[in-house]
N, C-alpha and C. Protein backbone atom coordinates (compact mmCIF):
# COMPACT_ATOMS: atom_id res chain seq x y z
N MET A 1 -2.72 -20.59 11.77
CA MET A 1 -4.05 -20.12 10.89
C MET A 1 -3.23 -19.06 10.15
N THR A 2 -3.93 -19.24 9.35
CA THR A 2 -3.35 -17.53 8.02
C THR A 2 -4.74 -17.22 7.58
N PHE A 3 -4.40 -15.63 7.29
CA PHE A 3 -5.26 -14.82 6.57
C PHE A 3 -5.98 -15.71 5.57
N GLU A 4 -5.57 -16.27 4.63
CA GLU A 4 -6.39 -16.75 3.37
C GLU A 4 -7.48 -17.76 4.17
N GLN A 5 -6.72 -18.96 5.27
CA GLN A 5 -8.25 -19.51 5.87
C GLN A 5 -9.19 -18.88 6.12
N ILE A 6 -8.82 -17.99 7.11
CA ILE A 6 -10.17 -17.30 8.25
C ILE A 6 -10.42 -16.54 6.25
N ARG A 7 -10.03 -15.88 5.15
CA ARG A 7 -10.78 -15.47 4.48
C ARG A 7 -11.96 -16.52 3.81
N THR A 8 -11.37 -17.51 3.60
CA THR A 8 -11.83 -18.99 3.09
C THR A 8 -12.83 -19.26 3.59
N PHE A 9 -12.74 -19.59 5.44
CA PHE A 9 -13.40 -19.64 6.17
C PHE A 9 -14.77 -18.89 6.15
N LEU A 10 -14.76 -17.34 6.14
CA LEU A 10 -15.77 -16.57 5.62
C LEU A 10 -16.70 -16.51 4.62
N TRP A 11 -15.99 -17.01 3.30
CA TRP A 11 -16.45 -17.25 2.30
C TRP A 11 -17.61 -18.60 2.44
N VAL A 12 -16.91 -19.65 2.69
CA VAL A 12 -17.69 -20.38 2.32
C VAL A 12 -18.74 -20.73 3.71
N ALA A 13 -18.92 -19.66 5.19
CA ALA A 13 -19.87 -19.80 5.77
C ALA A 13 -20.81 -18.35 5.19
N ARG A 14 -20.36 -17.27 4.74
CA ARG A 14 -20.89 -16.50 3.87
C ARG A 14 -21.82 -17.34 2.75
N LEU A 15 -21.39 -17.76 1.44
CA LEU A 15 -21.96 -18.80 0.46
C LEU A 15 -22.86 -19.83 1.19
N GLY A 16 -22.39 -20.49 2.21
CA GLY A 16 -22.97 -21.53 2.48
C GLY A 16 -22.87 -22.99 1.84
N GLY A 17 -21.19 -23.16 1.14
CA GLY A 17 -21.00 -23.95 0.76
C GLY A 17 -19.81 -24.14 0.32
N PHE A 18 -19.06 -24.76 0.34
CA PHE A 18 -17.34 -25.30 -0.38
C PHE A 18 -17.12 -24.60 -2.00
N ARG A 19 -18.05 -25.71 -2.82
CA ARG A 19 -18.21 -25.09 -4.24
C ARG A 19 -18.50 -23.59 -4.63
N LYS A 20 -19.14 -23.11 -3.39
CA LYS A 20 -19.36 -21.55 -3.94
C LYS A 20 -18.26 -20.69 -3.30
N ALA A 21 -18.26 -21.16 -2.34
CA ALA A 21 -16.48 -20.51 -2.11
C ALA A 21 -15.22 -20.65 -3.04
N ALA A 22 -15.19 -22.13 -3.57
CA ALA A 22 -14.10 -22.08 -4.72
C ALA A 22 -14.22 -21.32 -5.62
N GLU A 23 -15.45 -21.27 -6.13
CA GLU A 23 -15.45 -20.31 -7.35
C GLU A 23 -15.56 -18.58 -6.92
N ARG A 24 -16.29 -18.09 -5.66
CA ARG A 24 -15.76 -16.81 -5.41
C ARG A 24 -14.39 -16.64 -5.27
N LEU A 25 -13.74 -17.42 -4.69
CA LEU A 25 -11.72 -17.10 -4.73
C LEU A 25 -11.08 -17.72 -5.58
N HIS A 26 -11.67 -18.14 -6.83
CA HIS A 26 -11.20 -18.91 -7.93
C HIS A 26 -9.94 -19.80 -7.48
N LEU A 27 -10.49 -20.57 -6.15
CA LEU A 27 -9.88 -22.03 -5.99
C LEU A 27 -10.23 -23.50 -6.49
N SER A 28 -9.77 -24.36 -6.28
CA SER A 28 -10.40 -25.62 -6.38
C SER A 28 -11.21 -25.94 -4.96
N GLN A 29 -12.27 -26.50 -5.47
CA GLN A 29 -13.09 -27.37 -4.07
C GLN A 29 -12.01 -27.79 -3.05
N PRO A 30 -11.18 -28.98 -3.47
CA PRO A 30 -10.51 -29.58 -2.83
C PRO A 30 -9.20 -28.77 -1.72
N ALA A 31 -9.02 -27.30 -2.19
CA ALA A 31 -8.11 -26.54 -1.54
C ALA A 31 -9.27 -25.81 -1.00
N ILE A 32 -10.07 -25.51 -0.84
CA ILE A 32 -11.09 -24.84 0.08
C ILE A 32 -11.34 -25.79 1.09
N SER A 33 -11.61 -27.20 0.80
CA SER A 33 -11.69 -28.02 1.86
C SER A 33 -10.64 -28.46 2.80
N THR A 34 -8.84 -28.55 2.40
CA THR A 34 -7.67 -28.18 2.78
C THR A 34 -7.68 -27.06 3.80
N ARG A 35 -8.24 -25.80 3.38
CA ARG A 35 -7.80 -24.64 4.20
C ARG A 35 -8.80 -24.97 5.14
N ILE A 36 -10.15 -25.75 5.02
CA ILE A 36 -10.96 -25.05 6.00
C ILE A 36 -10.50 -26.62 7.30
N SER A 37 -10.17 -27.83 6.43
CA SER A 37 -9.60 -28.98 7.75
C SER A 37 -8.76 -28.22 8.16
N ASN A 38 -7.89 -27.74 7.72
CA ASN A 38 -6.31 -27.10 8.42
C ASN A 38 -6.73 -26.29 9.26
N LEU A 39 -7.51 -25.47 9.64
CA LEU A 39 -8.18 -24.53 10.79
C LEU A 39 -8.86 -25.04 11.46
N GLU A 40 -9.74 -26.11 11.14
CA GLU A 40 -10.18 -26.88 12.25
C GLU A 40 -9.55 -27.44 13.42
N ALA A 41 -8.00 -28.15 12.21
CA ALA A 41 -7.29 -28.84 13.00
C ALA A 41 -6.76 -27.91 14.23
N GLU A 42 -6.01 -26.99 13.71
CA GLU A 42 -5.13 -25.48 14.40
C GLU A 42 -6.01 -25.52 15.37
N LEU A 43 -7.54 -24.92 15.44
CA LEU A 43 -8.38 -24.62 16.61
C LEU A 43 -8.73 -25.59 17.06
N ARG A 44 -8.74 -26.86 16.36
CA ARG A 44 -9.06 -28.05 17.36
C ARG A 44 -10.75 -27.91 17.87
N VAL A 45 -11.43 -27.30 16.61
CA VAL A 45 -12.94 -27.37 16.53
C VAL A 45 -13.27 -27.55 15.52
N PRO A 46 -14.67 -28.34 15.42
CA PRO A 46 -15.66 -28.31 14.07
C PRO A 46 -16.00 -26.92 14.12
N LEU A 47 -15.79 -26.34 12.76
CA LEU A 47 -16.54 -25.12 12.29
C LEU A 47 -17.85 -25.20 12.03
N PHE A 48 -17.83 -26.19 11.09
CA PHE A 48 -19.44 -26.53 10.30
C PHE A 48 -19.90 -27.94 10.77
N GLU A 49 -21.05 -28.18 10.62
CA GLU A 49 -22.08 -29.50 10.81
C GLU A 49 -21.63 -29.95 9.41
N ARG A 50 -21.49 -30.70 9.07
CA ARG A 50 -22.05 -31.50 7.83
C ARG A 50 -22.93 -32.22 7.82
N GLY A 51 -23.90 -31.89 6.67
CA GLY A 51 -25.12 -32.58 6.44
C GLY A 51 -25.08 -32.65 5.02
N PRO A 52 -26.06 -33.79 4.50
CA PRO A 52 -26.12 -33.92 3.01
C PRO A 52 -26.76 -32.69 2.66
N GLY A 53 -25.89 -32.37 1.62
CA GLY A 53 -26.31 -30.99 1.07
C GLY A 53 -26.76 -29.50 1.52
N GLN A 54 -26.12 -29.58 2.99
CA GLN A 54 -26.36 -28.72 4.21
C GLN A 54 -24.98 -28.73 5.38
N LEU A 55 -24.90 -27.34 5.05
CA LEU A 55 -23.61 -26.72 5.72
C LEU A 55 -23.86 -25.52 7.03
N VAL A 56 -23.78 -26.22 8.25
CA VAL A 56 -24.38 -25.27 9.44
C VAL A 56 -23.11 -24.97 9.68
N LEU A 57 -22.95 -23.77 10.51
CA LEU A 57 -22.15 -23.23 11.31
C LEU A 57 -22.34 -23.73 12.98
N THR A 58 -21.09 -24.36 13.55
CA THR A 58 -21.38 -24.63 14.59
C THR A 58 -21.21 -23.71 15.81
N LYS A 59 -21.45 -23.44 17.08
CA LYS A 59 -21.41 -22.22 18.05
C LYS A 59 -19.91 -21.83 17.66
N GLN A 60 -18.73 -22.63 17.90
CA GLN A 60 -17.70 -21.89 17.60
C GLN A 60 -17.14 -21.46 16.23
N GLY A 61 -17.88 -21.97 15.34
CA GLY A 61 -17.89 -21.26 13.89
C GLY A 61 -18.48 -20.18 13.53
N THR A 62 -19.47 -19.88 14.82
CA THR A 62 -20.52 -18.66 14.20
C THR A 62 -19.45 -17.41 15.47
N LEU A 63 -18.53 -18.21 16.14
CA LEU A 63 -17.66 -16.88 17.13
C LEU A 63 -16.72 -16.56 16.08
N LEU A 64 -15.85 -17.75 15.38
CA LEU A 64 -14.91 -17.30 14.08
C LEU A 64 -15.73 -16.44 13.53
N LEU A 65 -16.97 -16.62 12.90
CA LEU A 65 -17.55 -15.86 11.91
C LEU A 65 -17.43 -14.42 12.22
N THR A 66 -17.74 -14.14 13.52
CA THR A 66 -17.80 -12.61 13.70
C THR A 66 -16.21 -12.00 13.75
N TYR A 67 -15.18 -12.86 14.23
CA TYR A 67 -13.98 -12.37 13.82
C TYR A 67 -13.71 -11.72 12.54
N ALA A 68 -13.87 -13.06 11.92
CA ALA A 68 -13.40 -13.26 10.32
C ALA A 68 -14.10 -11.90 9.92
N GLU A 69 -15.56 -11.67 10.39
CA GLU A 69 -16.06 -10.17 9.64
C GLU A 69 -15.29 -9.15 9.59
N GLN A 70 -14.70 -8.87 10.65
CA GLN A 70 -13.95 -7.82 11.86
C GLN A 70 -12.90 -7.93 11.05
N MET A 71 -12.25 -8.99 10.71
CA MET A 71 -10.57 -9.02 9.76
C MET A 71 -10.64 -8.19 8.59
N LEU A 72 -11.91 -8.90 8.16
CA LEU A 72 -12.02 -8.71 6.32
C LEU A 72 -12.33 -6.88 6.71
N PHE A 73 -13.09 -6.64 7.69
CA PHE A 73 -13.33 -4.95 7.50
C PHE A 73 -12.19 -4.41 7.76
N VAL A 74 -11.46 -4.58 8.64
CA VAL A 74 -9.77 -3.98 8.91
C VAL A 74 -9.05 -4.24 7.41
N GLU A 75 -8.89 -5.14 7.04
CA GLU A 75 -8.46 -5.14 5.74
C GLU A 75 -8.98 -4.26 4.48
N GLU A 76 -10.07 -4.58 4.17
CA GLU A 76 -10.55 -3.68 3.41
C GLU A 76 -10.07 -1.85 3.99
N GLU A 77 -10.46 -1.55 5.25
CA GLU A 77 -9.51 -0.21 5.58
C GLU A 77 -8.27 -0.07 5.34
N ILE A 78 -7.50 -1.09 5.27
CA ILE A 78 -6.36 -0.57 5.04
C ILE A 78 -5.87 -0.30 4.09
N ARG A 79 -6.77 -1.53 3.05
CA ARG A 79 -7.00 -1.19 1.61
C ARG A 79 -6.98 0.50 0.83
N GLN A 80 -8.34 0.73 1.78
CA GLN A 80 -8.57 1.79 1.13
C GLN A 80 -7.57 3.01 2.11
N ARG A 81 -7.53 2.66 3.49
CA ARG A 81 -6.83 4.83 3.73
C ARG A 81 -5.46 4.35 3.47
N VAL A 82 -4.63 3.19 3.60
CA VAL A 82 -2.88 2.93 3.34
C VAL A 82 -2.48 2.99 1.66
N ALA A 83 -3.44 2.22 1.14
CA ALA A 83 -3.14 1.90 -0.18
C ALA A 83 -3.69 2.93 -1.46
N ASN A 84 -4.74 3.93 -0.95
CA ASN A 84 -4.98 4.79 -1.64
C ASN A 84 -4.73 6.23 -1.32
N SER A 85 -3.96 6.44 -2.60
CA SER A 85 -3.13 7.48 -2.67
C SER A 85 -3.80 9.08 -2.23
N SER A 86 -4.80 9.09 -2.52
CA SER A 86 -5.36 10.29 -2.17
C SER A 86 -5.77 10.73 -0.59
N GLU A 87 -5.81 9.01 0.42
CA GLU A 87 -5.73 9.55 1.78
C GLU A 87 -4.49 9.79 2.54
N THR A 88 -3.10 9.80 1.48
CA THR A 88 -2.08 10.21 2.22
C THR A 88 -2.34 11.08 2.54
N GLU A 89 -1.47 11.50 4.00
CA GLU A 89 -1.35 12.83 4.26
C GLU A 89 -0.32 13.38 4.94
N GLY A 90 0.20 14.28 4.89
CA GLY A 90 1.62 14.74 5.70
C GLY A 90 1.95 16.24 4.82
N LEU A 91 3.65 15.89 5.41
CA LEU A 91 3.87 17.01 4.86
C LEU A 91 5.29 16.55 4.16
N LEU A 92 5.89 17.11 2.90
CA LEU A 92 6.62 16.48 1.96
C LEU A 92 7.63 17.76 1.75
N ARG A 93 8.81 17.98 2.27
CA ARG A 93 9.73 19.10 2.35
C ARG A 93 10.67 19.05 0.75
N VAL A 94 10.38 19.53 0.21
CA VAL A 94 10.94 19.72 -1.16
C VAL A 94 11.91 20.70 -1.63
N GLY A 95 12.91 20.41 -2.01
CA GLY A 95 13.96 21.53 -2.94
C GLY A 95 13.76 21.75 -3.92
N ALA A 96 14.19 22.44 -4.62
CA ALA A 96 14.33 22.16 -6.21
C ALA A 96 15.77 23.47 -6.41
N SER A 97 16.29 23.34 -7.69
CA SER A 97 17.24 24.53 -8.72
C SER A 97 16.26 25.44 -9.17
N GLU A 98 16.60 26.64 -9.07
CA GLU A 98 15.89 27.37 -9.41
C GLU A 98 15.55 27.21 -11.17
N THR A 99 17.04 26.66 -11.73
CA THR A 99 16.28 26.27 -13.41
C THR A 99 15.17 25.59 -13.15
N ILE A 100 14.81 24.42 -12.42
CA ILE A 100 14.15 23.13 -12.14
C ILE A 100 12.40 24.05 -11.73
N ALA A 101 12.66 24.91 -10.93
CA ALA A 101 11.61 25.58 -10.23
C ALA A 101 10.88 26.29 -11.18
N GLN A 102 11.92 27.32 -11.93
CA GLN A 102 11.55 27.74 -13.37
C GLN A 102 10.73 26.98 -14.66
N ALA A 103 11.45 25.64 -14.92
CA ALA A 103 10.89 25.14 -15.54
C ALA A 103 9.57 24.20 -15.83
N TRP A 104 9.82 22.73 -15.15
CA TRP A 104 8.67 22.16 -15.37
C TRP A 104 8.14 21.39 -13.72
N LEU A 105 8.81 22.42 -12.66
CA LEU A 105 8.40 21.97 -11.30
C LEU A 105 6.93 22.23 -10.93
N PRO A 106 6.33 23.64 -11.53
CA PRO A 106 4.83 23.83 -11.31
C PRO A 106 4.13 22.89 -11.80
N LEU A 107 3.73 22.19 -13.23
CA LEU A 107 3.53 21.13 -13.43
C LEU A 107 3.18 19.86 -12.54
N PHE A 108 4.67 19.70 -12.32
CA PHE A 108 4.67 18.78 -11.49
C PHE A 108 3.93 18.82 -10.05
N LEU A 109 4.32 19.85 -9.11
CA LEU A 109 3.27 19.97 -8.04
C LEU A 109 2.12 19.78 -8.10
N LYS A 110 1.19 20.78 -9.58
CA LYS A 110 -0.18 20.19 -9.93
C LYS A 110 -0.29 18.88 -9.77
N ALA A 111 0.38 18.24 -10.25
CA ALA A 111 0.16 16.89 -10.72
C ALA A 111 0.19 16.08 -9.46
N PHE A 112 0.86 16.53 -8.80
CA PHE A 112 1.43 15.87 -7.45
C PHE A 112 0.16 16.13 -6.76
N SER A 113 -0.18 17.28 -6.70
CA SER A 113 -1.31 18.02 -5.84
C SER A 113 -2.62 17.38 -5.69
N GLU A 114 -2.51 17.42 -7.03
CA GLU A 114 -3.92 16.58 -7.41
C GLU A 114 -4.24 14.79 -7.21
N HIS A 115 -2.74 13.86 -7.51
CA HIS A 115 -2.51 12.49 -7.08
C HIS A 115 -2.66 12.35 -5.49
N TYR A 116 -2.01 13.59 -4.73
CA TYR A 116 -2.13 13.44 -2.86
C TYR A 116 -2.54 14.59 -2.66
N PRO A 117 -3.80 14.97 -2.51
CA PRO A 117 -4.67 16.08 -2.38
C PRO A 117 -4.21 16.44 -0.99
N ARG A 118 -4.35 15.82 0.10
CA ARG A 118 -3.86 15.85 1.66
C ARG A 118 -2.30 15.95 1.87
N VAL A 119 -1.81 15.92 0.74
CA VAL A 119 -0.23 16.22 1.15
C VAL A 119 0.00 17.47 1.35
N ASN A 120 0.49 17.98 2.12
CA ASN A 120 1.52 19.48 2.25
C ASN A 120 2.82 19.74 1.64
N VAL A 121 2.94 20.49 0.64
CA VAL A 121 4.25 20.51 -0.17
C VAL A 121 5.04 22.02 0.72
N ASP A 122 5.56 21.80 1.38
CA ASP A 122 6.92 22.85 1.51
C ASP A 122 8.04 23.40 1.07
N LEU A 123 8.35 24.01 -0.01
CA LEU A 123 8.86 24.22 -1.01
C LEU A 123 10.13 25.10 -0.69
N THR A 124 11.11 24.77 -0.72
CA THR A 124 12.55 25.48 -1.12
C THR A 124 13.40 25.66 -2.17
N VAL A 125 13.14 27.12 -2.86
CA VAL A 125 14.21 27.33 -4.14
C VAL A 125 15.40 27.70 -3.75
N ASP A 126 16.42 26.86 -3.96
CA ASP A 126 18.15 27.25 -3.43
C ASP A 126 18.83 26.73 -4.46
N ILE A 127 20.21 27.32 -4.19
CA ILE A 127 21.56 26.70 -4.95
C ILE A 127 21.57 25.37 -4.93
N SER A 128 22.17 24.45 -5.79
CA SER A 128 22.29 23.13 -5.04
C SER A 128 22.98 22.90 -4.03
N LEU A 129 24.23 23.57 -4.06
CA LEU A 129 24.87 23.47 -2.34
C LEU A 129 24.45 23.72 -1.10
N ASN A 130 23.60 24.47 -0.97
CA ASN A 130 22.48 24.64 -0.14
C ASN A 130 21.64 23.66 0.12
N LEU A 131 20.85 23.15 -0.75
CA LEU A 131 19.87 22.38 -1.60
C LEU A 131 20.57 20.88 -0.70
N ARG A 132 21.44 20.53 -1.17
CA ARG A 132 22.35 19.25 -0.92
C ARG A 132 22.56 19.41 0.40
N THR A 133 22.93 20.17 1.49
CA THR A 133 23.28 20.43 2.68
C THR A 133 22.15 20.13 3.67
N ALA A 134 20.79 20.21 2.87
CA ALA A 134 19.58 20.41 3.74
C ALA A 134 19.22 18.97 3.87
N LEU A 135 19.53 18.15 2.56
CA LEU A 135 18.97 16.87 2.14
C LEU A 135 19.73 16.07 3.19
N LEU A 136 21.05 16.33 2.67
CA LEU A 136 21.76 15.45 3.91
C LEU A 136 21.64 15.65 5.92
N GLU A 137 21.28 16.93 6.11
CA GLU A 137 20.52 17.11 7.00
C GLU A 137 19.09 16.51 7.44
N ARG A 138 18.61 16.30 6.30
CA ARG A 138 17.25 15.66 7.12
C ARG A 138 16.13 16.57 6.82
N SER A 139 16.67 18.07 6.63
CA SER A 139 15.50 19.14 6.66
C SER A 139 14.75 19.50 5.68
N ILE A 140 14.86 18.32 4.25
CA ILE A 140 14.29 18.50 3.36
C ILE A 140 14.29 17.12 3.14
N ASP A 141 12.94 16.46 2.73
CA ASP A 141 12.54 15.31 2.03
C ASP A 141 13.39 15.03 0.60
N LEU A 142 13.18 15.77 -0.50
CA LEU A 142 13.48 15.34 -1.58
C LEU A 142 13.63 16.78 -2.52
N VAL A 143 14.93 16.55 -3.24
CA VAL A 143 15.40 17.82 -4.06
C VAL A 143 15.64 17.48 -5.42
N PHE A 144 15.27 18.20 -6.00
CA PHE A 144 15.10 18.24 -8.05
C PHE A 144 16.73 19.08 -8.23
N LEU A 145 17.56 18.47 -8.70
CA LEU A 145 18.62 19.30 -8.96
C LEU A 145 18.94 18.62 -10.13
N MET A 146 19.86 19.51 -11.31
CA MET A 146 20.29 19.55 -12.28
C MET A 146 21.14 17.87 -12.47
N GLY A 147 22.13 17.87 -11.58
CA GLY A 147 22.98 16.64 -11.29
C GLY A 147 23.07 15.80 -9.92
N PRO A 148 23.90 14.86 -10.43
CA PRO A 148 23.80 13.74 -8.86
C PRO A 148 24.60 14.33 -7.91
N ILE A 149 23.84 13.59 -6.38
CA ILE A 149 24.54 13.75 -5.04
C ILE A 149 25.35 12.67 -5.07
N SER A 150 26.93 12.75 -4.84
CA SER A 150 27.60 12.26 -4.59
C SER A 150 27.92 11.66 -2.84
N GLU A 151 26.60 10.73 -2.34
CA GLU A 151 26.94 11.09 -1.13
C GLU A 151 26.58 8.95 -1.27
N PHE A 152 26.84 8.50 -0.26
CA PHE A 152 26.19 6.74 -0.30
C PHE A 152 24.94 6.73 0.47
N SER A 153 24.43 7.80 1.28
CA SER A 153 23.27 7.68 2.26
C SER A 153 21.93 8.27 1.24
N VAL A 154 22.61 8.93 -0.46
CA VAL A 154 21.56 9.31 -0.99
C VAL A 154 21.04 8.74 -2.40
N GLU A 155 20.01 8.69 -2.69
CA GLU A 155 19.74 7.83 -3.75
C GLU A 155 19.39 8.87 -5.08
N ASN A 156 19.59 8.55 -6.15
CA ASN A 156 19.64 9.41 -7.24
C ASN A 156 18.92 8.73 -8.31
N VAL A 157 17.79 9.37 -8.57
CA VAL A 157 17.41 9.06 -9.58
C VAL A 157 16.85 9.84 -10.61
N PRO A 158 17.16 9.21 -11.57
CA PRO A 158 17.64 10.30 -13.48
C PRO A 158 15.87 10.22 -13.31
N LEU A 159 15.62 11.57 -13.97
CA LEU A 159 14.10 11.91 -14.52
C LEU A 159 14.08 11.94 -16.18
N PRO A 160 13.45 11.44 -16.83
CA PRO A 160 13.41 11.95 -18.35
C PRO A 160 13.36 13.69 -18.70
N ALA A 161 13.88 13.58 -20.22
CA ALA A 161 14.06 14.80 -20.56
C ALA A 161 12.73 15.60 -20.22
N TYR A 162 12.61 16.85 -20.36
CA TYR A 162 11.78 17.91 -20.49
C TYR A 162 11.50 18.54 -21.60
N SER A 163 10.84 18.25 -22.30
CA SER A 163 11.12 19.24 -23.77
C SER A 163 12.52 19.21 -24.58
N GLY A 164 13.24 18.30 -23.83
CA GLY A 164 14.84 18.71 -24.83
C GLY A 164 15.58 19.22 -23.81
N VAL A 165 15.34 20.23 -22.89
CA VAL A 165 15.68 21.24 -22.12
C VAL A 165 16.70 20.87 -20.99
N ILE A 166 16.39 20.10 -19.92
CA ILE A 166 16.86 19.94 -18.94
C ILE A 166 16.58 18.07 -18.52
N ARG A 167 17.49 17.62 -17.99
CA ARG A 167 17.32 16.00 -17.49
C ARG A 167 17.96 16.83 -16.05
N PRO A 168 16.61 16.41 -15.30
CA PRO A 168 17.28 16.71 -13.90
C PRO A 168 17.30 15.18 -13.08
N VAL A 169 17.77 15.29 -11.89
CA VAL A 169 18.12 14.15 -10.93
C VAL A 169 17.30 14.26 -9.74
N ILE A 170 16.62 13.62 -9.10
CA ILE A 170 16.37 13.29 -7.80
C ILE A 170 16.74 12.99 -6.71
N PRO A 171 17.63 13.28 -6.03
CA PRO A 171 18.51 13.16 -4.74
C PRO A 171 17.77 12.77 -3.94
N LYS A 172 17.57 12.27 -2.83
CA LYS A 172 16.75 11.29 -1.91
C LYS A 172 17.57 11.18 -1.14
N VAL A 173 17.84 11.21 0.06
CA VAL A 173 18.20 10.40 1.26
C VAL A 173 17.69 9.11 1.69
N SER A 174 18.64 7.99 1.69
CA SER A 174 18.48 6.28 1.88
C SER A 174 17.13 6.56 2.99
N GLY A 175 16.47 5.41 2.82
CA GLY A 175 15.13 5.51 3.98
C GLY A 175 14.24 6.69 4.25
N HIS A 176 14.21 7.13 2.89
CA HIS A 176 12.96 8.33 3.02
C HIS A 176 11.97 8.05 1.94
C-alpha cells in the first residue's frame, strides 16, 4: 500500500467518484481506477460498492477513510512544521572573522532572523585559527572566513562578492 493509493482513495471517497478524483489529482480516470483496484487487492477487501452512477463506501472503506483523513492531516502538519522555515527553531552557533563581522554579517544576520525567527544565533567573532578549531571540534556550526579550510570533513562554500570588497567562504563540517 502506498501513500498515493491512500490519497487517491481519500479523494475518490470525498468527491464521490473516480472522474472527479482524477480531475482533482490531475490523473487519468484509468490511473485512479488502477490505484483503487491495487489498494483493494492488497487489503483484500472492497472499499466501494459500485452501482450505476453511484459510489458508496463499504464498512472497510469507511474505516479506511478515517485513517486516510488522519494521514493527510499528518502530511499537512509535516509540510507546515518541517518545511516551513518560520517554524524552524533551535540554536545556530556562528563564527566570523572580524572583517566579515564588520562588513556584511549584520545584514546577513538580520535577513536570517527574518527568515528563521525562531532560531537563536550565538555569534563568536575571533581570528580564523580559533574559528577553524572551534568548527572542527563542533563547538561552532558555521563559520564565515576570508578563505577556505583545508580539511576533509569541512565543506567550503564560496559566497558572492560583497560590494566588490570581500569574497568570504563558509566552511562547515560535513554532516551539519
